[in-house]
């Protein structure tokens, strides 16, 4: 549907949407950028003291959170205009990922380096508890009922955490999934979608903890996943789990019903995947793509793509 470029050689680490999906916020290098979704025009920028590792937004409160890598710090910022509201040091390892759980109003900070997940109060930025894990942590997902799931590459499993107590509950094995990295949750159907480095996608029933669907794709290497619940989608789509990987591929899992899923598209991207965000209100997907090769790095800026829910994606 739309394609535009942003200047700068720094990779895009995160994209998030503001209230109503009218503004998109992009973290690149040590800067946050506010784009108008309708026009793709840059509306505002916010300079930060260190590169951003990840970013999330709590839309009802119009508040954003950015994890800075070095020095490790959590920055709380306000939207429109962009401004820093507060910051606090992160003492549980260099951050690698953030997750905002709207249901519990908790902010979860992951450190792959230290194998920790730390819980903060999103309203105050106060550190509440930290849990040291045993694996190699990747993408997180929450079920909206107080349970956190974390992809664990070291054990080919999904670690399960009680958010309220920050207690490790055990692991869901995903046998045959080589190095799970991508994770997305259907909070309505309680299905967990897992992306593996060899391209396999697993659909896991979180109530019983077993995999009931295995779908191949051309995704390779580290991937990220998002899920869109769309019960009245066109052509019988009830929802979609969307994965993108570092080898520059995009692949979809189509939800036909709560117990019926199928592979539904596998597409090349014009560049290496860097970040992705889905706006549940408008069903728009934004992808940040890097340069196809190091030789083109100086010549072509990073690109952001917007895919609408009814758009045709051509190979």
Protein backbone atom coordinates (compact mmCIF):
# COMPACT_ATOMS: atom_id res chain seq x y z
CA UNK A 1 0.00 0.00 0.00
CA UNK A 2 2.74 2.43 0.88
CA UNK A 3 6.49 2.71 0.90
CA UNK A 4 8.80 5.46 2.06
CA UNK A 5 12.36 5.90 3.25
CA UNK A 6 13.96 7.29 6.36
CA UNK A 7 17.46 8.69 6.45
CA UNK A 8 20.29 7.25 8.50
CA UNK A 9 22.44 4.13 8.56
CA UNK A 10 21.41 3.00 12.07
CA UNK A 11 19.08 -0.02 12.07
CA UNK A 12 15.46 0.30 13.13
CA UNK A 13 15.08 -1.50 16.45
CA UNK A 14 11.35 -1.07 17.03
CA UNK A 15 8.10 0.34 15.64
CA UNK A 16 4.96 1.08 17.68
CA UNK A 17 1.61 2.75 17.03
CA UNK A 18 -0.06 5.55 18.94
CA UNK A 19 -3.76 5.82 19.84
CA UNK A 20 -6.07 5.10 16.91
CA UNK A 21 -3.18 4.10 14.67
CA UNK A 22 -2.75 7.66 13.37
CA UNK A 23 0.89 7.97 14.44
CA UNK A 24 3.75 5.49 14.12
CA UNK A 25 6.83 5.72 16.33
CA UNK A 26 10.15 4.44 15.05
CA UNK A 27 13.27 3.79 17.13
CA UNK A 28 16.44 4.10 15.08
CA UNK A 29 19.86 4.55 16.63
CA UNK A 30 19.56 6.97 19.57
CA UNK A 31 16.46 8.65 18.20
CA UNK A 32 12.69 8.20 18.37
CA UNK A 33 10.74 9.46 15.36
CA UNK A 34 7.04 10.21 15.13
CA UNK A 35 5.47 9.69 11.68
CA UNK A 36 1.99 10.62 10.51
CA UNK A 37 0.55 7.33 9.23
CA UNK A 38 -1.67 8.91 6.55
CA UNK A 39 1.06 11.01 4.94
CA UNK A 40 4.25 9.22 6.09
CA UNK A 41 5.59 12.65 7.03
CA UNK A 42 7.96 13.05 9.96
CA UNK A 43 6.10 14.91 12.70
CA UNK A 44 8.54 14.95 15.61
CA UNK A 45 11.84 13.53 16.88
CA UNK A 46 13.28 12.82 20.31
CA UNK A 47 17.03 12.42 20.89
CA UNK A 48 18.05 9.93 23.57
CA UNK A 49 21.43 9.51 25.31
CA UNK A 50 22.08 5.98 24.00
CA UNK A 51 20.94 3.60 21.24
CA UNK A 52 17.47 2.10 21.68
CA UNK A 53 17.27 -1.68 22.10
CA UNK A 54 13.47 -1.84 22.02
CA UNK A 55 10.37 0.32 22.45
CA UNK A 56 6.68 -0.18 23.31
CA UNK A 57 3.69 2.13 23.77
CA UNK A 58 0.74 2.08 26.16
CA UNK A 59 -1.86 3.77 23.96
CA UNK A 60 -4.56 4.57 26.58
CA UNK A 61 -2.12 6.56 28.70
CA UNK A 62 -0.28 7.96 25.66
CA UNK A 63 2.98 6.82 27.23
CA UNK A 64 5.95 5.09 25.64
CA UNK A 65 8.87 3.11 27.04
CA UNK A 66 12.31 2.75 25.50
CA UNK A 67 15.06 0.44 26.71
CA UNK A 68 18.53 1.83 26.10
CA UNK A 69 21.41 -0.57 25.66
CA UNK A 70 24.45 1.28 27.04
CA UNK A 71 24.15 2.65 29.59
CA UNK A 72 21.29 0.27 30.37
CA UNK A 73 18.33 2.50 31.10
CA UNK A 74 14.54 2.54 30.88
CA UNK A 75 13.15 5.80 29.51
CA UNK A 76 9.50 6.76 29.90
CA UNK A 77 8.31 9.27 27.29
CA UNK A 78 5.12 11.10 26.39
CA UNK A 79 3.57 11.31 22.93
CA UNK A 80 2.78 14.42 20.88
CA UNK A 81 4.92 16.22 21.57
CA UNK A 82 7.63 13.65 22.20
CA UNK A 83 9.33 14.34 25.52
CA UNK A 84 11.09 12.34 28.22
CA UNK A 85 9.01 12.02 31.39
CA UNK A 86 11.37 9.91 33.52
CA UNK A 87 14.20 7.42 33.36
CA UNK A 88 15.62 4.71 35.57
CA UNK A 89 18.73 2.55 35.48
CA UNK A 90 18.35 -1.10 34.48
CA UNK A 91 20.37 -3.28 36.84
CA UNK A 92 19.43 -6.75 35.55
CA UNK A 93 21.58 -6.85 32.45
CA UNK A 94 21.66 -5.01 29.13
CA UNK A 95 18.08 -4.98 27.73
CA UNK A 96 17.22 -6.87 24.57
CA UNK A 97 13.41 -6.68 24.44
CA UNK A 98 10.36 -5.00 25.99
CA UNK A 99 6.79 -6.21 26.36
CA UNK A 100 3.86 -4.17 27.65
CA UNK A 101 1.04 -6.33 29.01
CA UNK A 102 -2.05 -4.12 28.85
CA UNK A 103 -4.14 -6.56 30.88
CA UNK A 104 -1.84 -6.46 33.91
CA UNK A 105 -0.39 -3.01 33.19
CA UNK A 106 3.07 -4.48 33.59
CA UNK A 107 6.19 -3.65 31.64
CA UNK A 108 8.53 -6.59 31.13
CA UNK A 109 12.18 -6.01 30.27
CA UNK A 110 14.18 -8.93 28.90
CA UNK A 111 17.94 -9.29 28.89
CA UNK A 112 19.29 -12.02 26.65
CA UNK A 113 22.78 -11.22 27.93
CA UNK A 114 21.89 -11.87 31.60
CA UNK A 115 19.01 -14.33 30.95
CA UNK A 116 16.63 -12.23 33.05
CA UNK A 117 13.09 -10.92 32.78
CA UNK A 118 12.33 -7.92 34.99
CA UNK A 119 8.89 -6.54 35.80
CA UNK A 120 8.20 -2.81 36.17
CA UNK A 121 5.07 -0.91 37.12
CA UNK A 122 4.15 0.85 33.88
CA UNK A 123 2.45 3.72 35.71
CA UNK A 124 5.40 4.68 37.90
CA UNK A 125 8.41 3.01 36.27
CA UNK A 126 9.18 1.29 39.58
CA UNK A 127 11.08 -2.00 39.46
CA UNK A 128 8.91 -4.74 40.99
CA UNK A 129 10.74 -8.04 40.57
CA UNK A 130 13.26 -9.89 38.44
CA UNK A 131 13.50 -13.52 37.42
CA UNK A 132 16.69 -15.23 36.28
CA UNK A 133 16.04 -17.81 33.58
CA UNK A 134 18.18 -20.73 32.40
CA UNK A 135 17.95 -20.46 28.62
CA UNK A 136 18.83 -18.22 25.71
CA UNK A 137 15.86 -15.84 25.62
CA UNK A 138 14.22 -14.38 22.55
CA UNK A 139 10.74 -12.93 21.79
CA UNK A 140 8.16 -12.71 24.59
CA UNK A 141 4.35 -12.95 24.45
CA UNK A 142 1.62 -12.55 27.08
CA UNK A 143 -1.78 -14.22 27.22
CA UNK A 144 -3.59 -11.29 28.87
CA UNK A 145 -4.37 -13.48 31.89
CA UNK A 146 -1.15 -13.05 33.79
CA UNK A 147 1.03 -15.62 32.04
CA UNK A 148 4.18 -14.75 30.12
CA UNK A 149 5.76 -16.94 27.44
CA UNK A 150 9.41 -16.61 26.42
CA UNK A 151 11.10 -18.32 23.46
CA UNK A 152 14.12 -20.28 24.69
CA UNK A 153 16.64 -21.13 21.97
CA UNK A 154 18.92 -23.11 24.29
CA UNK A 155 16.37 -25.78 25.12
CA UNK A 156 14.03 -25.70 22.07
CA UNK A 157 11.21 -24.80 24.41
CA UNK A 158 8.86 -22.02 25.50
CA UNK A 159 9.43 -20.91 29.09
CA UNK A 160 6.28 -20.10 31.06
CA UNK A 161 6.26 -17.42 33.78
CA UNK A 162 3.61 -16.33 36.30
CA UNK A 163 3.67 -12.54 35.92
CA UNK A 164 2.11 -11.73 39.29
CA UNK A 165 4.74 -13.59 41.29
CA UNK A 166 7.46 -13.52 38.62
CA UNK A 167 7.81 -17.24 39.12
CA UNK A 168 9.02 -19.79 36.59
CA UNK A 169 6.24 -22.34 35.99
CA UNK A 170 8.03 -24.70 33.63
CA UNK A 171 8.52 -25.09 29.90
CA UNK A 172 6.44 -26.16 26.93
CA UNK A 173 8.64 -28.36 24.71
CA UNK A 174 8.53 -27.66 20.97
CA UNK A 175 10.33 -30.78 19.86
CA UNK A 176 11.67 -30.49 16.32
CA UNK A 177 11.58 -26.69 16.36
CA UNK A 178 15.21 -25.69 15.86
CA UNK A 179 16.06 -22.66 18.00
CA UNK A 180 12.67 -20.95 18.57
CA UNK A 181 12.96 -17.17 18.32
CA UNK A 182 9.64 -15.72 17.09
CA UNK A 183 6.57 -15.75 19.34
CA UNK A 184 3.03 -14.37 19.02
CA UNK A 185 -0.10 -14.95 21.11
CA UNK A 186 -3.76 -15.21 20.14
CA UNK A 187 -5.21 -14.06 23.46
CA UNK A 188 -8.75 -14.96 22.45
CA UNK A 189 -8.10 -18.53 21.34
CA UNK A 190 -5.13 -19.01 23.70
CA UNK A 191 -2.93 -20.21 20.84
CA UNK A 192 0.79 -19.55 20.75
CA UNK A 193 2.60 -19.22 17.41
CA UNK A 194 6.29 -20.12 17.39
CA UNK A 195 8.83 -19.30 14.69
CA UNK A 196 11.92 -21.54 14.41
CA UNK A 197 15.25 -20.69 12.79
CA UNK A 198 14.80 -23.49 10.22
CA UNK A 199 11.54 -21.94 8.98
CA UNK A 200 9.03 -24.16 10.77
CA UNK A 201 6.07 -22.48 12.47
CA UNK A 202 4.36 -24.25 15.35
CA UNK A 203 0.85 -23.63 16.71
CA UNK A 204 0.69 -24.50 20.42
CA UNK A 205 -2.39 -25.03 22.58
CA UNK A 206 -1.36 -23.21 25.77
CA UNK A 207 -4.13 -24.80 27.86
CA UNK A 208 -2.70 -28.27 27.32
CA UNK A 209 0.84 -27.35 26.35
CA UNK A 210 1.12 -29.32 23.14
CA UNK A 211 1.81 -28.52 19.51
CA UNK A 212 -1.04 -29.45 17.19
CA UNK A 213 0.11 -27.80 13.95
CA UNK A 214 3.49 -27.62 12.19
CA UNK A 215 3.76 -25.46 9.08
CA UNK A 216 6.92 -24.95 6.97
CA UNK A 217 8.06 -21.66 5.44
CA UNK A 218 11.11 -20.08 3.81
CA UNK A 219 11.88 -18.01 6.93
CA UNK A 220 15.44 -18.66 8.09
CA UNK A 221 17.41 -17.43 11.07
CA UNK A 222 16.08 -15.14 13.77
CA UNK A 223 12.45 -14.19 13.23
CA UNK A 224 9.74 -12.16 14.91
CA UNK A 225 6.01 -12.79 14.90
CA UNK A 226 2.80 -10.81 15.44
CA UNK A 227 -0.81 -11.97 15.53
CA UNK A 228 -3.89 -10.20 14.21
CA UNK A 229 -7.33 -11.37 15.33
CA UNK A 230 -9.81 -10.48 12.57
CA UNK A 231 -12.93 -12.68 12.93
CA UNK A 232 -14.78 -10.95 10.08
CA UNK A 233 -11.88 -10.70 7.67
CA UNK A 234 -12.38 -11.02 3.94
CA UNK A 235 -12.29 -14.41 2.17
CA UNK A 236 -12.86 -16.30 5.42
CA UNK A 237 -9.78 -15.07 7.29
CA UNK A 238 -10.37 -15.14 11.05
CA UNK A 239 -6.89 -13.97 11.87
CA UNK A 240 -3.25 -14.28 10.88
CA UNK A 241 0.11 -14.94 12.49
CA UNK A 242 2.73 -13.01 10.55
CA UNK A 243 6.43 -13.80 10.69
CA UNK A 244 9.42 -11.98 9.23
CA UNK A 245 13.01 -13.15 9.39
CA UNK A 246 16.54 -11.90 8.96
CA UNK A 247 16.83 -13.64 5.58
CA UNK A 248 14.36 -11.12 4.14
CA UNK A 249 11.18 -13.19 3.99
CA UNK A 250 7.60 -12.64 5.16
CA UNK A 251 5.29 -15.60 5.83
CA UNK A 252 1.70 -15.87 7.05
CA UNK A 253 -0.27 -18.46 8.98
CA UNK A 254 -3.96 -18.18 8.23
CA UNK A 255 -6.48 -18.77 11.00
CA UNK A 256 -9.49 -20.55 9.50
CA UNK A 257 -10.98 -21.41 12.92
CA UNK A 258 -9.67 -21.82 16.46
CA UNK A 259 -8.46 -25.34 15.67
CA UNK A 260 -7.76 -24.92 11.97
CA UNK A 261 -4.68 -23.14 10.59
CA UNK A 262 -2.86 -23.23 7.27
CA UNK A 263 0.19 -21.73 5.58
CA UNK A 264 -1.06 -18.76 3.58
CA UNK A 265 1.68 -16.90 1.77
CA UNK A 266 5.45 -16.70 1.69
CA UNK A 267 6.95 -13.56 0.19
CA UNK A 268 10.40 -12.03 -0.42
CA UNK A 269 11.13 -8.61 1.06
CA UNK A 270 13.23 -5.96 -0.64
CA UNK A 271 15.91 -5.95 2.05
CA UNK A 272 16.82 -7.55 5.36
CA UNK A 273 14.15 -7.49 8.05
CA UNK A 274 14.79 -5.21 11.03
CA UNK A 275 11.53 -4.46 12.86
CA UNK A 276 7.78 -4.97 12.58
CA UNK A 277 4.61 -3.64 14.19
CA UNK A 278 0.92 -4.38 13.75
CA UNK A 279 -1.86 -1.93 14.56
CA UNK A 280 -4.87 -3.95 15.68
CA UNK A 281 -7.29 -1.07 15.04
CA UNK A 282 -6.44 -0.43 11.39
CA UNK A 283 -4.95 -3.89 10.61
CA UNK A 284 -1.90 -2.24 9.11
CA UNK A 285 1.49 -3.92 9.26
CA UNK A 286 4.64 -1.81 9.17
CA UNK A 287 7.96 -3.41 8.26
CA UNK A 288 11.37 -1.80 8.57
CA UNK A 289 13.84 -3.15 6.05
CA UNK A 290 17.58 -2.63 5.93
CA UNK A 291 19.86 -2.48 2.95
CA UNK A 292 20.12 -5.67 0.87
CA UNK A 293 23.92 -5.60 1.04
CA UNK A 294 26.74 -3.75 2.72
CA UNK A 295 27.77 -2.26 -0.63
CA UNK A 296 24.44 -0.43 -0.87
CA UNK A 297 24.43 0.78 2.72
CA UNK A 298 25.55 4.30 1.95
CA UNK A 299 23.35 4.62 -1.12
CA UNK A 300 19.96 3.48 0.14
CA UNK A 301 18.25 4.41 3.40
CA UNK A 302 16.26 2.07 5.56
CA UNK A 303 12.73 1.56 4.31
CA UNK A 304 9.39 1.27 6.05
CA UNK A 305 6.58 -0.60 4.35
CA UNK A 306 2.91 -0.51 5.17
CA UNK A 307 0.73 -3.46 4.23
CA UNK A 308 -3.03 -3.01 4.55
CA UNK A 309 -5.36 -5.81 5.55
CA UNK A 310 -6.85 -6.05 2.04
CA UNK A 311 -3.70 -5.34 0.06
CA UNK A 312 -2.37 -7.80 -2.49
CA UNK A 313 1.27 -8.65 -1.80
CA UNK A 314 3.03 -9.69 -4.98
CA UNK A 315 6.05 -11.96 -5.15
